[in-house]
């Protein structure tokens, strides 16, 4: 490896360390930044350049290149954001004397409405998980444990709207003590308390003794332990379980994901009169503008309210 290649790698490593130490970026976020920046570096390498030598023209050409590959505007915007931040870091550290991103405009993108499920569809998923838990034809303890774990995962997810990484990575300590609330460590290490529904608390109470029995004389700090490298149930495995559950509930599995249920949690709360700020806090959004993607639900609720209760609407005069 050449000295230049080593120096390039050191700059990227220093940038990622800064994101982790100063901004509290999660491992998944750091991995995404690294992938995006390495992709841009590979593009520059075809021109015999490094990130340190990149020009505004190179960045514009790269955006045209990934657009020609059929990548979405949101992907292009994410990659441009990584490039902006990296070059801002290089400029601030004196590695570069200029920032080539200053004149670059990001790709325009429409903000899509979140994919979600109806209350009836979520009820079907929860019912399917409970049906699996009530099976008595199997006597193995491992099946009883897995069934109770699935119910617990589903009830807690829909009751709290947690990110899937937050759900599978819940520490056991999060549900000890006052189980009316769940203690969650979210993005950037921000702590928040999320209220638990009665059915979610019952699911936890049913699951915990089986968890203890399953572990035997072993211990684990995780609520949903696993033998894998991470020590807890993975996001990928839970997504697989959810796909199987959606088929059992008669739903199209392509419409069901952990993030869909997070959207359903927020949409259903707002549709039933919850305050936007309260939903923001429960979702763990740092900025309410992120939560405002759900305001389409509020618009529909207000429209229904006017059409139902306005005196002119009752007389058929309100259009």
C-alpha atoms as a PDB file:
ATOM      1  CA  UNK A   1       0.000   0.000   0.000  1.00  0.00           C
ATOM      2  CA  UNK A   2       1.362   3.412  -0.953  1.00  0.00           C
ATOM      3  CA  UNK A   3       2.074   6.186   1.513  1.00  0.00           C
ATOM      4  CA  UNK A   4      -0.654   8.282  -0.137  1.00  0.00           C
ATOM      5  CA  UNK A   5      -3.224   5.489   0.350  1.00  0.00           C
ATOM      6  CA  UNK A   6      -2.281   5.203   4.023  1.00  0.00           C
ATOM      7  CA  UNK A   7      -2.702   8.964   4.495  1.00  0.00           C
ATOM      8  CA  UNK A   8      -6.126   8.868   2.826  1.00  0.00           C
ATOM      9  CA  UNK A   9      -7.176   6.057   5.138  1.00  0.00           C
ATOM     10  CA  UNK A  10      -5.945   7.965   8.174  1.00  0.00           C
ATOM     11  CA  UNK A  11      -8.026  11.025   7.235  1.00  0.00           C
ATOM     12  CA  UNK A  12     -11.158   8.897   6.916  1.00  0.00           C
ATOM     13  CA  UNK A  13     -10.412   7.127  10.196  1.00  0.00           C
ATOM     14  CA  UNK A  14      -9.936  10.475  11.954  1.00  0.00           C
ATOM     15  CA  UNK A  15     -13.239  11.742  10.514  1.00  0.00           C
ATOM     16  CA  UNK A  16     -15.139   8.670  11.743  1.00  0.00           C
ATOM     17  CA  UNK A  17     -13.538   8.962  15.186  1.00  0.00           C
ATOM     18  CA  UNK A  18     -14.681  12.602  15.334  1.00  0.00           C
ATOM     19  CA  UNK A  19     -18.267  11.591  14.471  1.00  0.00           C
ATOM     20  CA  UNK A  20     -18.216   8.956  17.185  1.00  0.00           C
ATOM     21  CA  UNK A  21     -16.548  11.021  19.919  1.00  0.00           C
ATOM     22  CA  UNK A  22     -18.035  14.470  19.320  1.00  0.00           C
ATOM     23  CA  UNK A  23     -21.440  13.670  17.845  1.00  0.00           C
ATOM     24  CA  UNK A  24     -22.145  10.305  19.426  1.00  0.00           C
ATOM     25  CA  UNK A  25     -22.792   8.659  16.038  1.00  0.00           C
ATOM     26  CA  UNK A  26     -23.914   5.029  16.283  1.00  0.00           C
ATOM     27  CA  UNK A  27     -21.967   2.161  14.705  1.00  0.00           C
ATOM     28  CA  UNK A  28     -24.533   1.788  11.913  1.00  0.00           C
ATOM     29  CA  UNK A  29     -24.210   5.501  11.086  1.00  0.00           C
ATOM     30  CA  UNK A  30     -20.431   5.292  10.993  1.00  0.00           C
ATOM     31  CA  UNK A  31     -20.573   2.266   8.702  1.00  0.00           C
ATOM     32  CA  UNK A  32     -22.903   4.133   6.327  1.00  0.00           C
ATOM     33  CA  UNK A  33     -20.573   7.160   6.193  1.00  0.00           C
ATOM     34  CA  UNK A  34     -17.599   4.920   5.501  1.00  0.00           C
ATOM     35  CA  UNK A  35     -19.380   3.062   2.681  1.00  0.00           C
ATOM     36  CA  UNK A  36     -20.504   6.286   1.011  1.00  0.00           C
ATOM     37  CA  UNK A  37     -17.098   7.938   1.230  1.00  0.00           C
ATOM     38  CA  UNK A  38     -15.288   4.858  -0.029  1.00  0.00           C
ATOM     39  CA  UNK A  39     -17.646   4.742  -2.998  1.00  0.00           C
ATOM     40  CA  UNK A  40     -16.784   8.361  -3.851  1.00  0.00           C
ATOM     41  CA  UNK A  41     -13.081   7.573  -3.379  1.00  0.00           C
ATOM     42  CA  UNK A  42     -13.393   4.671  -5.836  1.00  0.00           C
ATOM     43  CA  UNK A  43     -14.971   7.058  -8.368  1.00  0.00           C
ATOM     44  CA  UNK A  44     -12.155   9.564  -7.872  1.00  0.00           C
ATOM     45  CA  UNK A  45      -9.560   6.813  -8.245  1.00  0.00           C
ATOM     46  CA  UNK A  46     -10.710   6.287 -11.837  1.00  0.00           C
ATOM     47  CA  UNK A  47      -9.577   9.878 -12.395  1.00  0.00           C
ATOM     48  CA  UNK A  48      -6.319   9.395 -10.565  1.00  0.00           C
ATOM     49  CA  UNK A  49      -7.443  11.593  -7.682  1.00  0.00           C
ATOM     50  CA  UNK A  50      -8.033  11.355  -3.942  1.00  0.00           C
ATOM     51  CA  UNK A  51     -10.628  13.078  -1.749  1.00  0.00           C
ATOM     52  CA  UNK A  52      -8.014  15.700  -0.893  1.00  0.00           C
ATOM     53  CA  UNK A  53      -7.752  16.599  -4.592  1.00  0.00           C
ATOM     54  CA  UNK A  54     -11.478  16.450  -5.434  1.00  0.00           C
ATOM     55  CA  UNK A  55     -12.996  19.501  -7.114  1.00  0.00           C
ATOM     56  CA  UNK A  56     -16.570  20.755  -7.290  1.00  0.00           C
ATOM     57  CA  UNK A  57     -16.666  19.429 -10.857  1.00  0.00           C
ATOM     58  CA  UNK A  58     -15.687  15.966  -9.606  1.00  0.00           C
ATOM     59  CA  UNK A  59     -18.510  16.019  -7.064  1.00  0.00           C
ATOM     60  CA  UNK A  60     -21.084  17.105  -9.666  1.00  0.00           C
ATOM     61  CA  UNK A  61     -19.861  14.397 -12.038  1.00  0.00           C
ATOM     62  CA  UNK A  62     -20.161  11.835  -9.244  1.00  0.00           C
ATOM     63  CA  UNK A  63     -23.771  12.856  -8.558  1.00  0.00           C
ATOM     64  CA  UNK A  64     -24.535  12.496 -12.286  1.00  0.00           C
ATOM     65  CA  UNK A  65     -22.768   9.119 -12.262  1.00  0.00           C
ATOM     66  CA  UNK A  66     -24.860   7.659  -9.426  1.00  0.00           C
ATOM     67  CA  UNK A  67     -28.044   9.115 -10.935  1.00  0.00           C
ATOM     68  CA  UNK A  68     -27.227   7.293 -14.183  1.00  0.00           C
ATOM     69  CA  UNK A  69     -26.914   4.097 -12.144  1.00  0.00           C
ATOM     70  CA  UNK A  70     -30.564   4.497 -11.153  1.00  0.00           C
ATOM     71  CA  UNK A  71     -29.934   5.330  -7.505  1.00  0.00           C
ATOM     72  CA  UNK A  72     -32.680   7.351  -5.835  1.00  0.00           C
ATOM     73  CA  UNK A  73     -32.514  11.050  -5.032  1.00  0.00           C
ATOM     74  CA  UNK A  74     -32.545  10.207  -1.323  1.00  0.00           C
ATOM     75  CA  UNK A  75     -29.455   7.985  -1.742  1.00  0.00           C
ATOM     76  CA  UNK A  76     -27.686  10.723  -3.711  1.00  0.00           C
ATOM     77  CA  UNK A  77     -28.584  13.278  -1.030  1.00  0.00           C
ATOM     78  CA  UNK A  78     -27.237  10.986   1.707  1.00  0.00           C
ATOM     79  CA  UNK A  79     -23.953  10.455  -0.139  1.00  0.00           C
ATOM     80  CA  UNK A  80     -23.593  14.177  -0.806  1.00  0.00           C
ATOM     81  CA  UNK A  81     -24.170  14.841   2.894  1.00  0.00           C
ATOM     82  CA  UNK A  82     -21.333  12.436   3.785  1.00  0.00           C
ATOM     83  CA  UNK A  83     -19.046  14.134   1.244  1.00  0.00           C
ATOM     84  CA  UNK A  84     -19.950  17.614   2.561  1.00  0.00           C
ATOM     85  CA  UNK A  85     -19.225  16.680   6.148  1.00  0.00           C
ATOM     86  CA  UNK A  86     -15.963  14.934   5.298  1.00  0.00           C
ATOM     87  CA  UNK A  87     -14.652  17.869   3.268  1.00  0.00           C
ATOM     88  CA  UNK A  88     -15.802  20.296   5.938  1.00  0.00           C
ATOM     89  CA  UNK A  89     -13.733  18.232   8.369  1.00  0.00           C
ATOM     90  CA  UNK A  90     -10.685  18.265   6.050  1.00  0.00           C
ATOM     91  CA  UNK A  91     -10.987  22.033   5.635  1.00  0.00           C
ATOM     92  CA  UNK A  92     -11.378  22.655   9.376  1.00  0.00           C
ATOM     93  CA  UNK A  93      -8.343  20.491  10.104  1.00  0.00           C
ATOM     94  CA  UNK A  94      -6.242  22.320   7.540  1.00  0.00           C
ATOM     95  CA  UNK A  95      -5.798  19.255   5.344  1.00  0.00           C
ATOM     96  CA  UNK A  96      -7.434  21.178   2.507  1.00  0.00           C
ATOM     97  CA  UNK A  97      -7.264  24.920   1.866  1.00  0.00           C
ATOM     98  CA  UNK A  98     -10.748  24.990   0.370  1.00  0.00           C
ATOM     99  CA  UNK A  99     -14.091  23.197   0.568  1.00  0.00           C
ATOM    100  CA  UNK A 100     -15.244  22.010  -2.885  1.00  0.00           C
ATOM    101  CA  UNK A 101     -18.794  21.399  -1.654  1.00  0.00           C
ATOM    102  CA  UNK A 102     -19.645  25.057  -1.084  1.00  0.00           C
ATOM    103  CA  UNK A 103     -21.314  25.578  -4.462  1.00  0.00           C
ATOM    104  CA  UNK A 104     -22.909  22.135  -4.789  1.00  0.00           C
ATOM    105  CA  UNK A 105     -26.703  21.919  -4.684  1.00  0.00           C
ATOM    106  CA  UNK A 106     -28.237  18.703  -3.475  1.00  0.00           C
ATOM    107  CA  UNK A 107     -30.679  16.666  -5.574  1.00  0.00           C
ATOM    108  CA  UNK A 108     -34.315  17.625  -5.151  1.00  0.00           C
ATOM    109  CA  UNK A 109     -36.388  14.949  -3.538  1.00  0.00           C
ATOM    110  CA  UNK A 110     -39.980  14.696  -2.499  1.00  0.00           C
ATOM    111  CA  UNK A 111     -40.555  13.622   1.052  1.00  0.00           C
ATOM    112  CA  UNK A 112     -42.604  10.422   0.842  1.00  0.00           C
ATOM    113  CA  UNK A 113     -45.340   9.570   3.268  1.00  0.00           C
ATOM    114  CA  UNK A 114     -44.264   6.842   5.688  1.00  0.00           C
ATOM    115  CA  UNK A 115     -45.401   3.305   4.958  1.00  0.00           C
ATOM    116  CA  UNK A 116     -47.680   2.190   7.716  1.00  0.00           C
ATOM    117  CA  UNK A 117     -50.379  -0.320   8.648  1.00  0.00           C
ATOM    118  CA  UNK A 118     -53.977   0.081   9.739  1.00  0.00           C
ATOM    119  CA  UNK A 119     -55.042  -0.600  13.311  1.00  0.00           C
ATOM    120  CA  UNK A 120     -56.788  -3.751  12.083  1.00  0.00           C
ATOM    121  CA  UNK A 121     -53.634  -4.999  10.356  1.00  0.00           C
ATOM    122  CA  UNK A 122     -51.530  -4.474  13.474  1.00  0.00           C
ATOM    123  CA  UNK A 123     -54.217  -6.225  15.529  1.00  0.00           C
ATOM    124  CA  UNK A 124     -53.906  -9.154  13.120  1.00  0.00           C
ATOM    125  CA  UNK A 125     -50.136  -9.316  13.631  1.00  0.00           C
ATOM    126  CA  UNK A 126     -50.483  -9.202  17.418  1.00  0.00           C
ATOM    127  CA  UNK A 127     -53.195 -11.862  17.314  1.00  0.00           C
ATOM    128  CA  UNK A 128     -50.973 -14.091  15.162  1.00  0.00           C
ATOM    129  CA  UNK A 129     -48.109 -13.748  17.648  1.00  0.00           C
ATOM    130  CA  UNK A 130     -50.401 -14.636  20.564  1.00  0.00           C
ATOM    131  CA  UNK A 131     -51.775 -17.615  18.642  1.00  0.00           C
ATOM    132  CA  UNK A 132     -48.235 -18.914  18.231  1.00  0.00           C
ATOM    133  CA  UNK A 133     -47.668 -18.456  21.956  1.00  0.00           C
ATOM    134  CA  UNK A 134     -50.814 -20.366  22.937  1.00  0.00           C
ATOM    135  CA  UNK A 135     -49.912 -23.525  21.045  1.00  0.00           C
ATOM    136  CA  UNK A 136     -49.802 -26.519  23.381  1.00  0.00           C
ATOM    137  CA  UNK A 137     -48.894 -29.291  20.934  1.00  0.00           C
ATOM    138  CA  UNK A 138     -45.152 -28.753  21.486  1.00  0.00           C
ATOM    139  CA  UNK A 139     -43.671 -29.537  24.884  1.00  0.00           C
ATOM    140  CA  UNK A 140     -40.143 -28.302  24.358  1.00  0.00           C
ATOM    141  CA  UNK A 141     -39.221 -25.420  26.610  1.00  0.00           C
ATOM    142  CA  UNK A 142     -37.322 -23.747  23.793  1.00  0.00           C
ATOM    143  CA  UNK A 143     -40.519 -23.338  21.772  1.00  0.00           C
ATOM    144  CA  UNK A 144     -42.386 -21.882  24.719  1.00  0.00           C
ATOM    145  CA  UNK A 145     -39.532 -19.417  25.191  1.00  0.00           C
ATOM    146  CA  UNK A 146     -39.447 -18.382  21.527  1.00  0.00           C
ATOM    147  CA  UNK A 147     -43.205 -17.926  21.448  1.00  0.00           C
ATOM    148  CA  UNK A 148     -43.200 -15.750  24.540  1.00  0.00           C
ATOM    149  CA  UNK A 149     -40.247 -13.771  23.164  1.00  0.00           C
ATOM    150  CA  UNK A 150     -42.112 -13.095  19.915  1.00  0.00           C
ATOM    151  CA  UNK A 151     -45.192 -11.823  21.757  1.00  0.00           C
ATOM    152  CA  UNK A 152     -42.984  -9.648  23.947  1.00  0.00           C
ATOM    153  CA  UNK A 153     -41.149  -8.198  20.937  1.00  0.00           C
ATOM    154  CA  UNK A 154     -44.378  -7.396  19.106  1.00  0.00           C
ATOM    155  CA  UNK A 155     -46.236  -5.916  22.069  1.00  0.00           C
ATOM    156  CA  UNK A 156     -43.295  -3.762  23.160  1.00  0.00           C
ATOM    157  CA  UNK A 157     -42.615  -2.546  19.614  1.00  0.00           C
ATOM    158  CA  UNK A 158     -46.192  -1.455  18.935  1.00  0.00           C
ATOM    159  CA  UNK A 159     -46.594  -0.016  22.435  1.00  0.00           C
ATOM    160  CA  UNK A 160     -43.442   2.120  22.237  1.00  0.00           C
ATOM    161  CA  UNK A 161     -42.526   2.752  18.591  1.00  0.00           C
ATOM    162  CA  UNK A 162     -38.880   1.915  19.279  1.00  0.00           C
ATOM    163  CA  UNK A 163     -36.330   1.779  16.481  1.00  0.00           C
ATOM    164  CA  UNK A 164     -35.558  -1.866  15.749  1.00  0.00           C
ATOM    165  CA  UNK A 165     -31.957  -1.401  16.949  1.00  0.00           C
ATOM    166  CA  UNK A 166     -33.303   0.001  20.222  1.00  0.00           C
ATOM    167  CA  UNK A 167     -35.756  -2.887  20.599  1.00  0.00           C
ATOM    168  CA  UNK A 168     -33.389  -5.806  20.040  1.00  0.00           C
ATOM    169  CA  UNK A 169     -30.646  -4.051  22.024  1.00  0.00           C
ATOM    170  CA  UNK A 170     -32.740  -3.372  25.127  1.00  0.00           C
ATOM    171  CA  UNK A 171     -30.784  -4.136  28.295  1.00  0.00           C
ATOM    172  CA  UNK A 172     -32.483  -6.251  30.926  1.00  0.00           C
ATOM    173  CA  UNK A 173     -32.226  -3.292  33.311  1.00  0.00           C
ATOM    174  CA  UNK A 174     -34.633  -1.331  31.072  1.00  0.00           C
ATOM    175  CA  UNK A 175     -37.616  -3.339  32.338  1.00  0.00           C
ATOM    176  CA  UNK A 176     -36.651  -3.709  35.953  1.00  0.00           C
ATOM    177  CA  UNK A 177     -38.298  -1.596  38.593  1.00  0.00           C
ATOM    178  CA  UNK A 178     -41.310   0.462  37.521  1.00  0.00           C
ATOM    179  CA  UNK A 179     -42.559  -1.338  34.423  1.00  0.00           C
ATOM    180  CA  UNK A 180     -45.039   1.400  33.579  1.00  0.00           C
ATOM    181  CA  UNK A 181     -42.174   3.006  31.663  1.00  0.00           C
ATOM    182  CA  UNK A 182     -39.374   1.685  29.500  1.00  0.00           C
ATOM    183  CA  UNK A 183     -35.949   3.327  29.742  1.00  0.00           C
ATOM    184  CA  UNK A 184     -34.429   3.675  26.281  1.00  0.00           C
ATOM    185  CA  UNK A 185     -30.995   4.850  25.164  1.00  0.00           C
ATOM    186  CA  UNK A 186     -31.489   6.212  21.652  1.00  0.00           C
ATOM    187  CA  UNK A 187     -29.431   7.937  18.972  1.00  0.00           C
ATOM    188  CA  UNK A 188     -26.500   9.922  20.276  1.00  0.00           C
ATOM    189  CA  UNK A 189     -26.885   8.282  23.692  1.00  0.00           C
ATOM    190  CA  UNK A 190     -30.018  10.331  24.440  1.00  0.00           C
ATOM    191  CA  UNK A 191     -32.073   8.738  27.212  1.00  0.00           C
ATOM    192  CA  UNK A 192     -35.864   8.778  27.176  1.00  0.00           C
ATOM    193  CA  UNK A 193     -38.733   7.153  29.038  1.00  0.00           C
ATOM    194  CA  UNK A 194     -41.532   5.574  27.016  1.00  0.00           C
ATOM    195  CA  UNK A 195     -44.802   4.466  28.650  1.00  0.00           C
ATOM    196  CA  UNK A 196     -45.742   0.797  28.362  1.00  0.00           C
ATOM    197  CA  UNK A 197     -49.237  -0.484  27.671  1.00  0.00           C
ATOM    198  CA  UNK A 198     -50.873  -3.037  29.952  1.00  0.00           C
ATOM    199  CA  UNK A 199     -50.577  -5.763  27.310  1.00  0.00           C
ATOM    200  CA  UNK A 200     -46.887  -4.976  26.813  1.00  0.00           C
ATOM    201  CA  UNK A 201     -46.248  -5.231  30.571  1.00  0.00           C
ATOM    202  CA  UNK A 202     -48.076  -8.563  30.703  1.00  0.00           C
ATOM    203  CA  UNK A 203     -46.031  -9.838  27.746  1.00  0.00           C
ATOM    204  CA  UNK A 204     -42.810  -8.859  29.541  1.00  0.00           C
ATOM    205  CA  UNK A 205     -43.961 -10.507  32.782  1.00  0.00           C
ATOM    206  CA  UNK A 206     -44.773 -13.716  30.896  1.00  0.00           C
ATOM    207  CA  UNK A 207     -41.493 -13.714  28.986  1.00  0.00           C
ATOM    208  CA  UNK A 208     -39.024 -12.982  31.809  1.00  0.00           C
ATOM    209  CA  UNK A 209     -39.419 -16.289  33.762  1.00  0.00           C
ATOM    210  CA  UNK A 210     -38.997 -18.252  30.512  1.00  0.00           C
ATOM    211  CA  UNK A 211     -35.933 -16.176  29.680  1.00  0.00           C
ATOM    212  CA  UNK A 212     -34.412 -17.065  33.061  1.00  0.00           C
ATOM    213  CA  UNK A 213     -35.238 -20.731  32.526  1.00  0.00           C
ATOM    214  CA  UNK A 214     -33.738 -20.643  29.031  1.00  0.00           C
ATOM    215  CA  UNK A 215     -30.440 -19.137  30.232  1.00  0.00           C
ATOM    216  CA  UNK A 216     -30.068 -21.566  33.124  1.00  0.00           C
ATOM    217  CA  UNK A 217     -26.922 -20.781  35.080  1.00  0.00           C
ATOM    218  CA  UNK A 218     -25.751 -18.317  32.406  1.00  0.00           C
ATOM    219  CA  UNK A 219     -26.272 -14.585  32.567  1.00  0.00           C
ATOM    220  CA  UNK A 220     -26.856 -11.939  29.924  1.00  0.00           C
ATOM    221  CA  UNK A 221     -27.260  -8.160  30.204  1.00  0.00           C
ATOM    222  CA  UNK A 222     -29.746  -8.162  27.286  1.00  0.00           C
ATOM    223  CA  UNK A 223     -33.524  -8.464  27.455  1.00  0.00           C
ATOM    224  CA  UNK A 224     -33.471 -10.586  24.275  1.00  0.00           C
ATOM    225  CA  UNK A 225     -30.219 -12.569  24.546  1.00  0.00           C
ATOM    226  CA  UNK A 226     -28.704 -14.544  21.697  1.00  0.00           C
ATOM    227  CA  UNK A 227     -25.657 -16.729  21.117  1.00  0.00           C
ATOM    228  CA  UNK A 228     -24.505 -14.495  18.254  1.00  0.00           C
ATOM    229  CA  UNK A 229     -21.576 -12.106  18.245  1.00  0.00           C
ATOM    230  CA  UNK A 230     -23.667  -9.152  19.427  1.00  0.00           C
ATOM    231  CA  UNK A 231     -25.018 -11.095  22.389  1.00  0.00           C
ATOM    232  CA  UNK A 232     -28.618 -10.146  21.629  1.00  0.00           C
ATOM    233  CA  UNK A 233     -31.229 -10.815  18.958  1.00  0.00           C
ATOM    234  CA  UNK A 234     -30.209  -9.168  15.687  1.00  0.00           C
ATOM    235  CA  UNK A 235     -32.260  -6.750  13.614  1.00  0.00           C
ATOM    236  CA  UNK A 236     -32.063  -9.156  10.689  1.00  0.00           C
ATOM    237  CA  UNK A 237     -33.428 -12.079  12.705  1.00  0.00           C
ATOM    238  CA  UNK A 238     -36.314 -10.036  14.078  1.00  0.00           C
ATOM    239  CA  UNK A 239     -37.173  -8.842  10.559  1.00  0.00           C
ATOM    240  CA  UNK A 240     -37.312 -12.513   9.486  1.00  0.00           C
ATOM    241  CA  UNK A 241     -39.639 -13.361  12.374  1.00  0.00           C
ATOM    242  CA  UNK A 242     -41.853 -10.423  11.439  1.00  0.00           C
ATOM    243  CA  UNK A 243     -42.079 -11.561   7.803  1.00  0.00           C
ATOM    244  CA  UNK A 244     -43.178 -15.030   8.942  1.00  0.00           C
ATOM    245  CA  UNK A 245     -45.721 -13.461  11.272  1.00  0.00           C
ATOM    246  CA  UNK A 246     -47.159 -11.252   8.523  1.00  0.00           C
ATOM    247  CA  UNK A 247     -47.787 -14.346   6.370  1.00  0.00           C
ATOM    248  CA  UNK A 248     -49.540 -16.023   9.305  1.00  0.00           C
ATOM    249  CA  UNK A 249     -51.689 -12.889   9.702  1.00  0.00           C
ATOM    250  CA  UNK A 250     -52.607 -12.884   6.002  1.00  0.00           C
ATOM    251  CA  UNK A 251     -50.638  -9.732   5.182  1.00  0.00           C
ATOM    252  CA  UNK A 252     -48.256  -9.037   2.326  1.00  0.00           C
ATOM    253  CA  UNK A 253     -44.809  -9.497   3.955  1.00  0.00           C
ATOM    254  CA  UNK A 254     -43.330  -6.804   1.701  1.00  0.00           C
ATOM    255  CA  UNK A 255     -45.512  -4.263   3.529  1.00  0.00           C
ATOM    256  CA  UNK A 256     -44.427  -5.295   7.005  1.00  0.00           C
ATOM    257  CA  UNK A 257     -41.148  -4.367   8.684  1.00  0.00           C
ATOM    258  CA  UNK A 258     -40.029  -3.158  12.114  1.00  0.00           C
ATOM    259  CA  UNK A 259     -39.956   0.404  10.747  1.00  0.00           C
ATOM    260  CA  UNK A 260     -43.499   0.036   9.377  1.00  0.00           C
ATOM    261  CA  UNK A 261     -44.690  -0.777  12.894  1.00  0.00           C
ATOM    262  CA  UNK A 262     -42.830   2.278  14.215  1.00  0.00           C
ATOM    263  CA  UNK A 263     -44.721   4.372  11.658  1.00  0.00           C
ATOM    264  CA  UNK A 264     -47.973   2.668  12.670  1.00  0.00           C
ATOM    265  CA  UNK A 265     -47.321   3.493  16.327  1.00  0.00           C
ATOM    266  CA  UNK A 266     -46.924   7.207  15.538  1.00  0.00           C
ATOM    267  CA  UNK A 267     -49.753   7.398  13.000  1.00  0.00           C
ATOM    268  CA  UNK A 268     -52.260   5.623  15.246  1.00  0.00           C
ATOM    269  CA  UNK A 269     -51.375   7.812  18.227  1.00  0.00           C
ATOM    270  CA  UNK A 270     -51.902  11.006  16.228  1.00  0.00           C
ATOM    271  CA  UNK A 271     -55.092   9.689  14.659  1.00  0.00           C
ATOM    272  CA  UNK A 272     -56.467   9.193  18.157  1.00  0.00           C
ATOM    273  CA  UNK A 273     -55.643  12.687  19.399  1.00  0.00           C
ATOM    274  CA  UNK A 274     -52.054  12.471  20.690  1.00  0.00           C
ATOM    275  CA  UNK A 275     -49.990  15.661  20.784  1.00  0.00           C
ATOM    276  CA  UNK A 276     -47.245  15.938  18.141  1.00  0.00           C
ATOM    277  CA  UNK A 277     -44.666  16.964  20.762  1.00  0.00           C
ATOM    278  CA  UNK A 278     -45.488  13.918  22.884  1.00  0.00           C
ATOM    279  CA  UNK A 279     -45.083  11.637  19.870  1.00  0.00           C
ATOM    280  CA  UNK A 280     -41.755  13.338  19.075  1.00  0.00           C
ATOM    281  CA  UNK A 281     -40.511  12.571  22.577  1.00  0.00           C
ATOM    282  CA  UNK A 282     -41.627   8.941  22.468  1.00  0.00           C
ATOM    283  CA  UNK A 283     -40.060   8.370  19.046  1.00  0.00           C
ATOM    284  CA  UNK A 284     -36.799   9.932  20.223  1.00  0.00           C
ATOM    285  CA  UNK A 285     -36.643  12.529  17.428  1.00  0.00           C
ATOM    286  CA  UNK A 286     -34.180  15.313  18.204  1.00  0.00           C
ATOM    287  CA  UNK A 287     -36.044  17.721  15.903  1.00  0.00           C
ATOM    288  CA  UNK A 288     -39.827  17.971  15.626  1.00  0.00           C
ATOM    289  CA  UNK A 289     -39.472  18.537  11.880  1.00  0.00           C
ATOM    290  CA  UNK A 290     -38.699  14.816  11.631  1.00  0.00           C
ATOM    291  CA  UNK A 291     -41.956  13.980  13.413  1.00  0.00           C
ATOM    292  CA  UNK A 292     -43.930  16.332  11.183  1.00  0.00           C
ATOM    293  CA  UNK A 293     -43.866  13.760   8.388  1.00  0.00           C
ATOM    294  CA  UNK A 294     -46.861  12.288  10.218  1.00  0.00           C
ATOM    295  CA  UNK A 295     -48.943  15.464   9.974  1.00  0.00           C
ATOM    296  CA  UNK A 296     -50.842  13.943   7.042  1.00  0.00           C
ATOM    297  CA  UNK A 297     -52.595  11.912   9.756  1.00  0.00           C
ATOM    298  CA  UNK A 298     -53.530  15.107  11.584  1.00  0.00           C
ATOM    299  CA  UNK A 299     -54.836  16.610   8.337  1.00  0.00           C
ATOM    300  CA  UNK A 300     -57.136  13.638   7.818  1.00  0.00           C
ATOM    301  CA  UNK A 301     -58.335  13.762  11.431  1.00  0.00           C
ATOM    302  CA  UNK A 302     -59.085  17.495  11.243  1.00  0.00           C
ATOM    303  CA  UNK A 303     -60.917  17.032   7.936  1.00  0.00           C
ATOM    304  CA  UNK A 304     -63.033  14.272   9.474  1.00  0.00           C
ATOM    305  CA  UNK A 305     -63.654  16.434  12.546  1.00  0.00           C
ATOM    306  CA  UNK A 306     -64.927  19.348  10.459  1.00  0.00           C
ATOM    307  CA  UNK A 307     -67.065  17.157   8.210  1.00  0.00           C
ATOM    308  CA  UNK A 308     -68.570  15.416  11.225  1.00  0.00           C
ATOM    309  CA  UNK A 309     -69.179  18.318  13.590  1.00  0.00           C
ATOM    310  CA  UNK A 310     -69.335  21.563  11.614  1.00  0.00           C
ATOM    311  CA  UNK A 311     -72.984  22.764  11.374  1.00  0.00           C
ATOM    312  CA  UNK A 312     -72.657  23.637   7.666  1.00  0.00           C
ATOM    313  CA  UNK A 313     -71.234  20.213   6.920  1.00  0.00           C
ATOM    314  CA  UNK A 314     -74.290  18.608   8.514  1.00  0.00           C
ATOM    315  CA  UNK A 315     -76.506  20.650   6.185  1.00  0.00           C
ATOM    316  CA  UNK A 316     -74.431  19.688   3.180  1.00  0.00           C
ATOM    317  CA  UNK A 317     -73.285  23.273   2.567  1.00  0.00           C
ATOM    318  CA  UNK A 318     -69.591  22.889   3.399  1.00  0.00           C
ATOM    319  CA  UNK A 319     -67.353  22.027   0.470  1.00  0.00           C
END
